[in-house]
Every structure is written in structure tokens, then in C-alpha cells.
């Protein structure tokens, strides 16, 4: 990749600077280029493509491409589009700060191999993904020993570098990453002793529970938590206990599992430190920014997509959000961004919902998660008599509701709720 000089970058103003070279960032960059925008992509890692590049399992692209692809196949298609459109991508580009200068200009401070530079952009698409929660965030104590990894670290070792992290494994957390890594360890011959989950139900997609645990005979211990990791130089065992409805360890319920490796799949958190510094409004339920239907934040011209916005089930959703953000950035530059926004509220059994504001002037996709499982559920917007029946809803599975513009005409606000349909 041929790099521009820092002086040329400083003298130039891009239509959109994309922070993050994963699915959301690349899909947004391609869409923006197709709309005639001048785009630059800034990626802190050594390559573009994002996390899917290390996910060798299938399940990617079913919605976005209409095909069942592996992670690398999904990313390579986006990378090929980036090459064809001639978008400039800079790797090892570490964003140190974002400054909203005015409604027509933003400044991005970047540390690059050639030095520190400032990039001007009319709009920003922030697609920096998420980070994994570590052991101390979930209250695990014990010895500081080797053999403790986040699930992402273990996946990188196995699928990028060909290194087997351990032979006898306990997975903490039953979200999709934890379930997929349980299967990945099993396929490589490891003895996966258990997947431990604090909730009374699995946190990931039901298809992954079946394909990754049940098909391999891996135990799922719900309503349990690991309280301590024990070992001298390396992990030797974990101490776990049953938990009550308040997720407190129940006395005299402790037991031990011998293992040499612990993989933490305790959830993801949107990586939005730079957005917080820019004083953008944050939703406490998603842990990401408050956005409108074009994924625009509370600062005009700054957009966000993918796991930096909210943790998504599928990379397809992240790519879709990147495209919506690019469409929004184009409207913003052209001066055609709507100004009248209708809020979407969280109603019964809704833990999170986004976008948080819609214009009512176009069809829009609503993403949501429930607080607790419901069978034979009705997901509805009562103000417009919009109902969608679901055989079952789970907190670990995103609910998608498509709203037509004619359905929201004349409505000042909407409330999403989920109730038992019986």
C-alpha cells in the first residue's frame, strides 16, 4: 500500500474518515466511495478485514451476501471491493483523538509509522469495534498464572498463529464467542470440561448451543460462576459455585474442575473511549452512542456502526450499519439530513433498542434485545398497531423489526415492547 506524505494528508480534507478497518468500516467506506465521496480508512492493526479474518467457521454473510461464508471469505469480499474502488487504507494508524471543529469539519489525530499527523474530514465513521471483558471485571479472583486467555486471544493463537493454548479447558461465558470457541477447542482435540454461565439460560444463539455444545457433548453449567482460578505457574483448576437470582454465590455449593486453560468469553463492550472524550451522548443500555436512523451521533457529522455502536449477533448487521452510516454521511455533506426526529422508547421487557431516533421519512430497520426469554412472544409498537409474532425471543438474540415510512407518518414517538402472545 502506497502511503501519502503527511504534508499532503494535512492539506487535504476528506469527505469521510473511517476509523476501523473491520466489516462496518469497510462496508461503509465502499458505500461512501460508490456515492462519490473521498474516503480514507484508518486501521490500528497490521491488516484490514477485522475480527472475521480469524474466524474460520461458517455463519457469515447469510444476510449481507445471501451465502454461508467463513469469516475470512466474508472479509476478503469487502477487501476486494475496497481495492476496486481505490480507497486509501492506512494500517498501524492509531487514532489518538477526535475533535469536532465545526459542523463542516472534524480533526482526527493519528499516530502512524511515519509520525503524528492530523487528518481533516467533513464526516467521520467510527467503527472501532469492541473489546473483551477481562477476569477482574467479572469478579474472578485467585492466582495470577499463565493459561488464562480471553476467547479472542485464544482464537487468534489458534487460527492466525497455529498455536494450541491448552489441552484441558473451561470456558467462562456462553455468548456466541464462548460457544464457538468451545467447539473450536474440541475440534483440535482439547478436553472442554464445561462452559460456565451465570444466567439461567445460554447467552448465545440457539443454533450455536446445538452445534457447538450439544453436538460435541460439552456440558453447559447455567446459574454458575467461576469464583477463583487456582494454580502455581499455570492454571491447575477453577473453583465455581451456583448462584442465586441476584447472581450471588450460594454457600456450600462450591466445586472444583481440574483444567490447564481458562478462556474468558464474558462479553464485549463497545470500544468508544475516543467518542467519550469527544463528549458524545452514550446509551447506558448499549454502552455505545445514541444515534439516529443514519447512525449519526449527537455530534453532527460523526457516525458510528458495528460493535462500536452496540454488540451485534452477526457481522452482517455491522456491515449493514456501516452502509447506513455512509448514506447518512452523504446526506449530511449534501445538506439533506432530516432535522425532525421521533424518539424510540424502551417498553416492557426491552433491554435495548437502536437507532434511538427516526425521521419517519424512510423505511428503517430497528434492532433490539429483550431482558428475559419469552415463548410465543409478540414484539410490537402499540402506537402504530405494528405487531411481529416470534416463536421465542432470547436476550442473546437480536430482534429485528422493519418499519415502513407510511407506518410512522404523523407519529411523535414510538415505544417498542415485548409480551407473551398467549
Protein backbone atom coordinates (compact mmCIF):
# COMPACT_ATOMS: atom_id res chain seq x y z
CA UNK A 1 0.00 0.00 0.00
CA UNK A 2 1.47 3.28 -1.13
CA UNK A 3 1.19 5.95 1.56
CA UNK A 4 0.75 9.66 1.03
CA UNK A 5 3.14 12.04 2.72
CA UNK A 6 1.90 13.51 5.99
CA UNK A 7 2.04 17.03 4.50
CA UNK A 8 -0.31 16.02 1.67
CA UNK A 9 -2.68 14.40 4.15
CA UNK A 10 -2.71 17.55 6.29
CA UNK A 11 -3.51 19.83 3.34
CA UNK A 12 -6.38 17.65 2.17
CA UNK A 13 -9.93 17.41 3.53
CA UNK A 14 -11.62 14.04 3.06
CA UNK A 15 -15.36 13.66 2.77
CA UNK A 16 -15.21 10.81 5.28
CA UNK A 17 -12.54 9.38 7.57
CA UNK A 18 -13.28 5.82 8.62
CA UNK A 19 -11.82 4.72 11.96
CA UNK A 20 -11.58 0.93 11.94
CA UNK A 21 -10.97 -1.46 9.06
CA UNK A 22 -13.41 -4.21 10.04
CA UNK A 23 -16.73 -5.15 8.44
CA UNK A 24 -18.61 -1.99 9.47
CA UNK A 25 -15.78 0.34 8.46
CA UNK A 26 -15.02 -1.32 5.12
CA UNK A 27 -18.69 -1.68 4.12
CA UNK A 28 -19.22 1.98 4.99
CA UNK A 29 -16.12 3.06 3.10
CA UNK A 30 -17.16 1.16 -0.03
CA UNK A 31 -20.69 2.59 0.09
CA UNK A 32 -19.34 6.10 0.55
CA UNK A 33 -16.99 5.69 -2.41
CA UNK A 34 -19.87 4.41 -4.54
CA UNK A 35 -21.73 7.61 -3.62
CA UNK A 36 -18.80 9.65 -4.94
CA UNK A 37 -17.19 10.52 -1.61
CA UNK A 38 -13.44 10.85 -1.00
CA UNK A 39 -12.68 8.33 1.77
CA UNK A 40 -9.73 7.30 3.91
CA UNK A 41 -9.64 4.24 6.21
CA UNK A 42 -7.54 4.23 9.40
CA UNK A 43 -6.85 0.81 10.92
CA UNK A 44 -4.71 0.35 14.05
CA UNK A 45 -3.84 -3.27 13.27
CA UNK A 46 -1.43 -4.72 10.75
CA UNK A 47 -4.15 -5.54 8.22
CA UNK A 48 -7.69 -4.61 7.29
CA UNK A 49 -10.54 -7.10 7.49
CA UNK A 50 -11.29 -7.07 11.20
CA UNK A 51 -12.06 -9.93 13.56
CA UNK A 52 -13.74 -12.12 10.87
CA UNK A 53 -10.27 -12.74 9.43
CA UNK A 54 -9.56 -15.05 12.40
CA UNK A 55 -13.00 -16.71 12.42
CA UNK A 56 -12.56 -19.76 10.22
CA UNK A 57 -16.02 -21.17 10.99
CA UNK A 58 -19.04 -20.61 8.68
CA UNK A 59 -22.08 -18.50 9.52
CA UNK A 60 -21.04 -15.20 7.94
CA UNK A 61 -22.78 -13.45 5.07
CA UNK A 62 -26.17 -15.17 5.17
CA UNK A 63 -27.98 -11.82 5.20
CA UNK A 64 -25.43 -9.49 3.60
CA UNK A 65 -24.36 -11.73 0.71
CA UNK A 66 -27.07 -14.37 0.76
CA UNK A 67 -24.39 -17.04 1.18
CA UNK A 68 -22.97 -19.02 4.09
CA UNK A 69 -19.30 -17.97 4.27
CA UNK A 70 -16.40 -18.28 6.67
CA UNK A 71 -15.12 -15.13 8.34
CA UNK A 72 -12.08 -14.74 6.03
CA UNK A 73 -14.28 -15.23 2.96
CA UNK A 74 -16.63 -12.51 4.19
CA UNK A 75 -13.81 -10.04 4.82
CA UNK A 76 -11.96 -10.81 1.60
CA UNK A 77 -15.01 -9.84 -0.42
CA UNK A 78 -15.10 -6.46 1.29
CA UNK A 79 -11.34 -6.03 0.90
CA UNK A 80 -11.62 -6.73 -2.83
CA UNK A 81 -14.30 -4.03 -3.13
CA UNK A 82 -12.03 -1.60 -1.28
CA UNK A 83 -9.24 -2.31 -3.77
CA UNK A 84 -11.54 -1.90 -6.76
CA UNK A 85 -12.80 1.49 -5.54
CA UNK A 86 -9.26 2.73 -4.85
CA UNK A 87 -9.95 3.70 -1.24
CA UNK A 88 -6.80 4.65 0.65
CA UNK A 89 -6.27 2.46 3.74
CA UNK A 90 -3.60 3.06 6.37
CA UNK A 91 -2.67 0.28 8.79
CA UNK A 92 -0.74 0.76 12.05
CA UNK A 93 -2.71 4.03 12.25
CA UNK A 94 -3.56 4.66 15.91
CA UNK A 95 -6.20 7.34 16.47
CA UNK A 96 -5.26 9.43 19.47
CA UNK A 97 -8.12 11.90 19.40
CA UNK A 98 -11.17 13.21 17.59
CA UNK A 99 -12.00 16.91 17.57
CA UNK A 100 -15.31 18.26 16.30
CA UNK A 101 -14.19 21.62 14.90
CA UNK A 102 -17.49 22.65 13.32
CA UNK A 103 -20.49 21.16 11.55
CA UNK A 104 -18.39 21.04 8.37
CA UNK A 105 -15.03 19.89 9.71
CA UNK A 106 -13.60 17.29 12.08
CA UNK A 107 -9.98 16.61 13.01
CA UNK A 108 -8.55 13.16 13.64
CA UNK A 109 -5.16 12.90 15.35
CA UNK A 110 -3.32 9.79 14.16
CA UNK A 111 -0.05 8.18 15.18
CA UNK A 112 1.41 6.42 12.15
CA UNK A 113 4.77 4.78 11.41
CA UNK A 114 5.86 7.99 9.69
CA UNK A 115 4.89 10.11 12.69
CA UNK A 116 1.92 12.01 14.12
CA UNK A 117 -0.46 13.72 11.73
CA UNK A 118 -3.83 15.44 11.67
CA UNK A 119 -6.48 14.39 9.17
CA UNK A 120 -9.32 16.72 8.22
CA UNK A 121 -12.68 15.21 7.32
CA UNK A 122 -16.16 16.56 6.75
CA UNK A 123 -17.58 13.42 8.38
CA UNK A 124 -16.28 10.54 10.49
CA UNK A 125 -17.42 6.94 10.55
CA UNK A 126 -16.29 5.47 13.85
CA UNK A 127 -16.16 1.69 13.50
CA UNK A 128 -13.51 0.70 16.05
CA UNK A 129 -15.38 -2.41 17.22
CA UNK A 130 -15.45 -3.70 20.79
CA UNK A 131 -13.13 -5.01 23.47
CA UNK A 132 -13.44 -8.17 25.56
CA UNK A 133 -14.20 -8.00 29.27
CA UNK A 134 -11.39 -9.34 31.46
CA UNK A 135 -11.40 -11.51 34.58
CA UNK A 136 -11.37 -8.68 37.10
CA UNK A 137 -14.41 -7.03 35.51
CA UNK A 138 -16.49 -10.11 36.32
CA UNK A 139 -15.21 -10.63 39.86
CA UNK A 140 -12.89 -13.61 39.39
CA UNK A 141 -10.09 -13.75 41.96
CA UNK A 142 -7.26 -16.18 42.57
CA UNK A 143 -3.71 -16.78 41.42
CA UNK A 144 -2.08 -14.78 38.64
CA UNK A 145 -0.98 -17.70 36.49
CA UNK A 146 -0.46 -18.49 32.83
CA UNK A 147 -3.16 -20.25 30.86
CA UNK A 148 -5.83 -17.55 31.23
CA UNK A 149 -6.94 -16.02 27.92
CA UNK A 150 -9.81 -14.05 26.56
CA UNK A 151 -11.69 -16.05 23.95
CA UNK A 152 -10.43 -13.67 21.27
CA UNK A 153 -6.82 -14.19 22.31
CA UNK A 154 -7.27 -17.95 22.21
CA UNK A 155 -8.90 -17.71 18.79
CA UNK A 156 -6.05 -15.57 17.46
CA UNK A 157 -3.44 -18.03 18.73
CA UNK A 158 -5.23 -20.97 17.11
CA UNK A 159 -6.49 -19.56 13.84
CA UNK A 160 -3.81 -16.98 12.98
CA UNK A 161 -0.65 -18.41 14.54
CA UNK A 162 -1.45 -22.12 14.75
CA UNK A 163 -0.71 -22.32 18.49
CA UNK A 164 -2.80 -24.54 20.78
CA UNK A 165 -3.40 -22.63 24.06
CA UNK A 166 -4.09 -25.70 26.20
CA UNK A 167 -5.40 -29.23 26.44
CA UNK A 168 -7.99 -29.12 29.24
CA UNK A 169 -10.26 -26.10 29.03
CA UNK A 170 -13.00 -24.31 30.95
CA UNK A 171 -14.91 -21.61 29.07
CA UNK A 172 -16.42 -18.77 31.12
CA UNK A 173 -19.44 -17.30 29.36
CA UNK A 174 -21.96 -18.80 26.94
CA UNK A 175 -22.27 -15.98 24.44
CA UNK A 176 -21.64 -16.85 20.81
CA UNK A 177 -17.87 -16.34 21.11
CA UNK A 178 -17.69 -18.71 24.08
CA UNK A 179 -19.82 -21.33 22.35
CA UNK A 180 -17.83 -21.16 19.12
CA UNK A 181 -14.52 -21.39 20.98
CA UNK A 182 -15.76 -24.44 22.92
CA UNK A 183 -16.31 -26.18 19.57
CA UNK A 184 -13.00 -24.88 18.21
CA UNK A 185 -11.08 -26.34 21.16
CA UNK A 186 -12.94 -29.63 20.83
CA UNK A 187 -12.18 -29.87 17.12
CA UNK A 188 -8.47 -29.52 17.91
CA UNK A 189 -8.65 -32.37 20.42
CA UNK A 190 -8.86 -30.43 23.69
CA UNK A 191 -10.99 -31.70 26.56
CA UNK A 192 -13.54 -28.94 27.11
CA UNK A 193 -14.62 -29.58 30.69
CA UNK A 194 -17.53 -27.11 30.76
CA UNK A 195 -18.97 -23.83 29.62
CA UNK A 196 -19.93 -21.85 32.73
CA UNK A 197 -22.75 -19.28 32.58
CA UNK A 198 -24.15 -17.08 35.38
CA UNK A 199 -27.53 -16.67 33.73
CA UNK A 200 -30.17 -19.42 33.95
CA UNK A 201 -30.07 -19.74 30.15
CA UNK A 202 -27.35 -19.62 27.48
CA UNK A 203 -26.30 -16.20 26.24
CA UNK A 204 -25.71 -17.09 22.59
CA UNK A 205 -27.79 -18.09 19.61
CA UNK A 206 -29.70 -21.35 19.98
CA UNK A 207 -28.13 -22.73 16.82
CA UNK A 208 -24.69 -22.31 18.42
CA UNK A 209 -25.82 -24.05 21.61
CA UNK A 210 -26.80 -27.05 19.50
CA UNK A 211 -23.93 -27.05 17.01
CA UNK A 212 -21.13 -26.10 19.41
CA UNK A 213 -22.10 -27.79 22.69
CA UNK A 214 -24.78 -30.44 22.28
CA UNK A 215 -23.26 -31.93 19.13
CA UNK A 216 -19.93 -32.30 20.96
CA UNK A 217 -21.26 -33.39 24.34
CA UNK A 218 -19.83 -30.33 26.11
CA UNK A 219 -21.57 -29.56 29.44
CA UNK A 220 -23.26 -26.17 29.88
CA UNK A 221 -23.44 -25.14 33.54
CA UNK A 222 -26.03 -22.38 33.79
CA UNK A 223 -26.63 -20.45 37.04
CA UNK A 224 -22.95 -20.99 37.92
CA UNK A 225 -19.99 -18.67 38.26
CA UNK A 226 -16.24 -19.19 38.49
CA UNK A 227 -15.09 -17.55 41.71
CA UNK A 228 -11.37 -18.41 41.73
CA UNK A 229 -8.60 -19.55 39.44
CA UNK A 230 -6.02 -21.72 41.20
CA UNK A 231 -2.50 -22.69 40.16
CA UNK A 232 1.20 -22.22 40.80
CA UNK A 233 2.79 -21.35 37.46
CA UNK A 234 -0.10 -22.37 35.23
CA UNK A 235 -3.83 -22.88 35.78
CA UNK A 236 -4.48 -26.13 37.66
CA UNK A 237 -8.19 -25.82 38.47
CA UNK A 238 -11.09 -23.44 38.85
CA UNK A 239 -13.48 -23.07 41.78
CA UNK A 240 -17.08 -22.47 40.84
CA UNK A 241 -20.35 -22.08 42.68
CA UNK A 242 -24.04 -21.97 41.97
CA UNK A 243 -25.62 -18.51 42.00
CA UNK A 244 -28.99 -17.26 43.21
CA UNK A 245 -31.37 -14.94 41.36
CA UNK A 246 -29.20 -11.96 42.34
CA UNK A 247 -26.09 -13.70 40.92
CA UNK A 248 -24.55 -14.15 44.35
CA UNK A 249 -22.66 -17.36 45.09
CA UNK A 250 -24.75 -19.83 47.11
CA UNK A 251 -22.98 -21.03 50.26
CA UNK A 252 -21.71 -24.61 50.30
CA UNK A 253 -22.31 -25.02 46.57
CA UNK A 254 -18.64 -24.77 45.55
CA UNK A 255 -16.97 -27.41 43.42
CA UNK A 256 -13.69 -27.74 41.54
CA UNK A 257 -12.88 -28.51 37.91
CA UNK A 258 -9.34 -29.51 37.01
CA UNK A 259 -8.04 -27.75 33.88
CA UNK A 260 -4.93 -26.14 32.44
CA UNK A 261 -6.63 -23.35 30.49
CA UNK A 262 -9.39 -20.82 31.10
CA UNK A 263 -10.96 -18.94 28.19
CA UNK A 264 -12.92 -15.84 29.17
CA UNK A 265 -15.93 -15.16 26.97
CA UNK A 266 -17.58 -12.77 29.41
CA UNK A 267 -18.97 -10.41 26.82
CA UNK A 268 -17.91 -7.46 24.71
CA UNK A 269 -18.02 -3.74 25.40
CA UNK A 270 -18.12 -1.12 22.61
CA UNK A 271 -14.69 0.43 22.18
CA UNK A 272 -15.71 4.08 22.37
CA UNK A 273 -13.08 5.80 24.51
CA UNK A 274 -12.37 8.41 21.82
CA UNK A 275 -16.06 9.15 21.41
CA UNK A 276 -16.46 9.65 25.17
CA UNK A 277 -13.60 12.13 25.06
CA UNK A 278 -15.48 13.98 22.31
CA UNK A 279 -18.47 14.22 24.71
CA UNK A 280 -20.89 12.26 22.54
CA UNK A 281 -24.15 11.10 24.16
CA UNK A 282 -23.94 7.46 25.32
CA UNK A 283 -26.77 4.95 25.83
CA UNK A 284 -26.27 3.15 29.15
CA UNK A 285 -28.04 0.02 27.84
CA UNK A 286 -25.98 -0.49 24.66
CA UNK A 287 -22.82 1.09 26.13
CA UNK A 288 -22.50 2.77 22.73
CA UNK A 289 -23.55 6.16 21.32
CA UNK A 290 -27.09 7.41 20.89
CA UNK A 291 -27.80 7.51 17.14
CA UNK A 292 -30.46 8.34 14.60
CA UNK A 293 -31.52 6.05 11.74
CA UNK A 294 -28.41 7.02 9.74
CA UNK A 295 -26.18 6.06 12.67
CA UNK A 296 -25.31 9.70 13.32
CA UNK A 297 -24.32 10.54 16.89
CA UNK A 298 -25.19 13.61 18.94
CA UNK A 299 -22.31 15.45 17.25
CA UNK A 300 -23.34 16.36 13.68
CA UNK A 301 -21.28 14.60 11.05
CA UNK A 302 -19.90 11.89 13.34
CA UNK A 303 -21.37 8.46 12.65
CA UNK A 304 -20.84 5.07 14.29
CA UNK A 305 -21.53 1.48 13.19
CA UNK A 306 -20.90 -2.14 14.12
CA UNK A 307 -19.86 -3.27 17.58
CA UNK A 308 -18.77 0.24 18.50
CA UNK A 309 -22.46 1.13 18.32
CA UNK A 310 -23.87 -1.98 20.02
CA UNK A 311 -22.82 -5.61 20.23
CA UNK A 312 -24.29 -7.38 17.20
CA UNK A 313 -25.10 -11.07 16.72
CA UNK A 314 -23.94 -11.15 13.11
CA UNK A 315 -21.19 -9.37 11.21
CA UNK A 316 -23.83 -8.88 8.50
CA UNK A 317 -25.60 -6.38 10.77
CA UNK A 318 -22.35 -4.47 11.31
CA UNK A 319 -21.82 -4.19 7.56
CA UNK A 320 -25.41 -3.02 7.05
CA UNK A 321 -24.95 -0.35 9.71
CA UNK A 322 -21.73 0.80 8.02
CA UNK A 323 -23.63 1.29 4.76
CA UNK A 324 -26.40 3.23 6.53
CA UNK A 325 -23.78 5.48 8.10
CA UNK A 326 -22.23 6.16 4.69
CA UNK A 327 -25.64 7.07 3.25
CA UNK A 328 -26.13 9.40 6.21
CA UNK A 329 -22.71 10.98 5.74
CA UNK A 330 -23.53 11.66 2.10
CA UNK A 331 -26.84 13.29 3.05
CA UNK A 332 -25.04 15.35 5.70
CA UNK A 333 -22.48 16.70 3.23
CA UNK A 334 -25.23 17.49 0.72
CA UNK A 335 -27.20 19.33 3.43
CA UNK A 336 -30.14 16.93 3.20
CA UNK A 337 -30.06 15.33 6.65
CA UNK A 338 -33.55 15.32 8.26
CA UNK A 339 -34.00 17.68 11.20
CA UNK A 340 -37.22 16.36 12.75
CA UNK A 341 -36.58 13.20 14.79
CA UNK A 342 -39.00 10.89 16.61
CA UNK A 343 -37.67 9.05 19.69
CA UNK A 344 -38.00 5.28 20.12
CA UNK A 345 -38.60 4.29 23.76
CA UNK A 346 -37.94 1.02 25.56
CA UNK A 347 -41.15 -0.59 26.75
CA UNK A 348 -42.00 -3.86 28.50
CA UNK A 349 -39.16 -6.43 28.50
CA UNK A 350 -36.94 -4.43 26.14
CA UNK A 351 -33.33 -4.14 27.35
CA UNK A 352 -32.02 -2.06 24.48
CA UNK A 353 -33.18 -0.63 21.17
CA UNK A 354 -31.49 1.35 18.41
CA UNK A 355 -31.50 3.54 16.41
CA UNK A 356 -32.78 5.82 19.13
CA UNK A 357 -34.39 8.36 16.77
CA UNK A 358 -36.06 8.01 13.39
CA UNK A 359 -37.28 10.59 10.90
CA UNK A 360 -40.36 8.75 9.65
CA UNK A 361 -39.38 9.74 6.12
CA UNK A 362 -37.96 6.36 5.05
CA UNK A 363 -38.09 2.64 5.75
CA UNK A 364 -35.87 1.79 8.70
CA UNK A 365 -34.56 -1.32 10.47
CA UNK A 366 -34.89 -1.42 14.27
CA UNK A 367 -32.51 -3.56 16.36
CA UNK A 368 -33.46 -4.64 19.88
CA UNK A 369 -32.79 -7.15 22.68
CA UNK A 370 -35.12 -8.39 25.39
CA UNK A 371 -34.45 -8.58 29.12
CA UNK A 372 -35.74 -12.12 29.62
CA UNK A 373 -36.77 -15.08 27.44
CA UNK A 374 -40.36 -15.29 26.19
CA UNK A 375 -42.02 -18.07 24.22
CA UNK A 376 -44.82 -17.29 21.78
CA UNK A 377 -43.86 -13.62 22.00
CA UNK A 378 -45.38 -10.55 20.43
CA UNK A 379 -42.97 -7.72 19.62
CA UNK A 380 -44.94 -4.55 18.97
CA UNK A 381 -45.11 -0.81 18.55
CA UNK A 382 -48.54 -0.13 20.11
CA UNK A 383 -48.76 3.46 18.80
CA UNK A 384 -48.97 2.22 15.21
CA UNK A 385 -50.54 -1.20 15.86
CA UNK A 386 -47.38 -2.89 14.49
CA UNK A 387 -47.04 -6.49 15.74
CA UNK A 388 -44.50 -9.19 14.95
CA UNK A 389 -45.01 -12.68 16.36
CA UNK A 390 -41.94 -14.70 17.40
CA UNK A 391 -41.90 -18.36 18.41
CA UNK A 392 -39.36 -17.42 21.08
CA UNK A 393 -37.14 -14.47 21.98
CA UNK A 394 -33.91 -14.70 23.96
CA UNK A 395 -31.67 -11.99 25.46
CA UNK A 396 -28.77 -13.35 23.42
CA UNK A 397 -30.54 -12.94 20.08
CA UNK A 398 -31.12 -9.61 18.36
CA UNK A 399 -34.69 -8.83 17.36
CA UNK A 400 -35.12 -7.10 14.01
CA UNK A 401 -38.25 -5.11 13.19
CA UNK A 402 -38.61 -3.40 9.81
CA UNK A 403 -40.70 -0.23 9.83
CA UNK A 404 -42.18 1.24 6.65
CA UNK A 405 -42.25 5.02 6.34
CA UNK A 406 -46.01 5.02 5.89
CA UNK A 407 -46.39 3.22 9.23
CA UNK A 408 -44.68 6.03 11.17
CA UNK A 409 -46.19 9.03 9.39
CA UNK A 410 -47.67 11.53 11.84
CA UNK A 411 -46.34 9.75 14.94
CA UNK A 412 -44.42 11.84 17.51
CA UNK A 413 -42.76 8.91 19.28
CA UNK A 414 -42.73 5.11 19.33
CA UNK A 415 -42.42 2.53 22.11
CA UNK A 416 -41.14 -0.99 21.50
CA UNK A 417 -42.40 -3.70 23.83
CA UNK A 418 -42.29 -7.49 24.00
CA UNK A 419 -45.00 -9.52 25.72
CA UNK A 420 -46.34 -13.06 25.96
CA UNK A 421 -48.59 -13.63 22.97
CA UNK A 422 -50.80 -16.21 24.69
